[in-house]
C-alpha cells in the first residue's frame, strides 16, 4: 500500500493464476504431497485464506513489485515472483 493505494493483494488473479499454472508447485508429486494441496492449488478462496506475503519490495520507479508468499500448505517451499504494474 502506498499513499492509501493498494498496489498488490494476495488474491490478485495474476498471482493466483501464476501460482496455479506456472509455479510447478501444483503439478505432479507436489499436488499430492501435502493434504489439501489440490484444493489450495485450484480454489482461489482457499489460496487467499491460507497464503500471506512474506516480503514485498517495490522498485524505485514503482513499476515492479518483488514478492515472496508463504503458507503452511507450502512449507517448506516459498514462492517468489515479480509483478509488473501499469500506470493505470
Protein backbone atom coordinates (compact mmCIF):
# COMPACT_ATOMS: atom_id res chain seq x y z
CA UNK A 1 0.00 0.00 0.00
CA UNK A 2 1.31 3.41 -0.87
CA UNK A 3 -0.48 6.70 -0.28
CA UNK A 4 -3.62 4.72 0.59
CA UNK A 5 -3.47 2.94 -2.77
CA UNK A 6 -3.28 -0.86 -2.73
CA UNK A 7 -0.57 -1.92 -5.16
CA UNK A 8 -0.89 -5.68 -4.78
CA UNK A 9 -3.20 -8.10 -2.94
CA UNK A 10 -2.68 -11.79 -2.25
CA UNK A 11 -5.90 -12.64 -4.10
CA UNK A 12 -4.93 -10.76 -7.28
CA UNK A 13 -5.94 -13.03 -10.19
CA UNK A 14 -2.49 -12.76 -11.77
CA UNK A 15 -0.76 -14.07 -8.62
CA UNK A 16 -3.22 -16.91 -8.11
CA UNK A 17 -3.17 -17.96 -11.77
CA UNK A 18 0.63 -17.80 -11.95
CA UNK A 19 0.89 -19.92 -8.80
CA UNK A 20 -1.68 -22.42 -10.08
CA UNK A 21 -0.34 -22.74 -13.63
CA UNK A 22 3.34 -21.81 -13.65
CA UNK A 23 4.93 -22.21 -10.21
CA UNK A 24 5.32 -26.00 -10.58
CA UNK A 25 4.02 -26.38 -7.01
CA UNK A 26 0.63 -27.50 -8.32
CA UNK A 27 1.63 -30.37 -10.57
CA UNK A 28 2.77 -33.96 -10.30
CA UNK A 29 4.08 -35.06 -6.94
CA UNK A 30 3.66 -31.58 -5.46
CA UNK A 31 -0.10 -31.77 -5.98
CA UNK A 32 -0.43 -34.90 -3.84
CA UNK A 33 2.49 -34.45 -1.42
CA UNK A 34 0.53 -32.44 1.15
CA UNK A 35 -3.02 -32.93 2.41
CA UNK A 36 -5.34 -30.33 0.87
CA UNK A 37 -2.70 -29.18 -1.67
CA UNK A 38 -5.10 -29.84 -4.57
CA UNK A 39 -7.81 -27.63 -3.06
CA UNK A 40 -5.18 -25.00 -2.25
CA UNK A 41 -4.00 -25.07 -5.87
CA UNK A 42 -7.41 -24.96 -7.52
CA UNK A 43 -9.62 -22.91 -5.20
CA UNK A 44 -8.88 -19.18 -5.09
CA UNK A 45 -10.68 -18.70 -1.76
CA UNK A 46 -8.63 -21.48 -0.17
CA UNK A 47 -5.42 -19.98 -1.59
CA UNK A 48 -6.36 -16.50 -0.35
CA UNK A 49 -7.23 -17.63 3.17
CA UNK A 50 -4.07 -19.71 3.65
CA UNK A 51 -1.44 -17.54 1.95
CA UNK A 52 0.41 -14.47 3.14
CA UNK A 53 3.12 -12.22 1.79
CA UNK A 54 6.46 -12.98 3.43
CA UNK A 55 8.13 -9.98 1.80
CA UNK A 56 7.35 -7.20 -0.65
CA UNK A 57 9.86 -4.93 -2.37
CA UNK A 58 8.85 -2.09 -4.68
CA UNK A 59 11.23 -0.78 -7.34
CA UNK A 60 12.13 2.93 -7.19
CA UNK A 61 10.00 3.64 -10.27
CA UNK A 62 7.10 1.67 -8.73
CA UNK A 63 6.69 -0.36 -11.93
CA UNK A 64 7.85 -3.68 -10.41
CA UNK A 65 6.88 -5.34 -7.17
CA UNK A 66 9.02 -8.22 -5.98
CA UNK A 67 7.31 -10.54 -3.54
CA UNK A 68 7.52 -13.85 -1.77
CA UNK A 69 4.49 -15.72 -0.49
CA UNK A 70 4.28 -18.46 2.08
CA UNK A 71 1.68 -20.74 3.57
CA UNK A 72 1.57 -23.67 5.96
CA UNK A 73 0.39 -25.70 2.96
CA UNK A 74 3.53 -24.72 1.04
CA UNK A 75 6.04 -25.29 3.84
CA UNK A 76 8.96 -25.69 3.41
CA UNK A 77 8.55 -24.06 -0.01
CA UNK A 78 8.05 -20.36 -0.68
CA UNK A 79 7.07 -18.78 -3.96
CA UNK A 80 8.80 -15.66 -5.27
CA UNK A 81 7.87 -13.50 -8.20
CA UNK A 82 7.91 -10.09 -9.78
CA UNK A 83 4.64 -8.35 -10.51
CA UNK A 84 4.73 -5.69 -13.23
CA UNK A 85 2.42 -2.75 -12.58
CA UNK A 86 0.93 -0.28 -15.04
CA UNK A 87 0.35 3.43 -14.91
CA UNK A 88 -3.42 2.85 -14.58
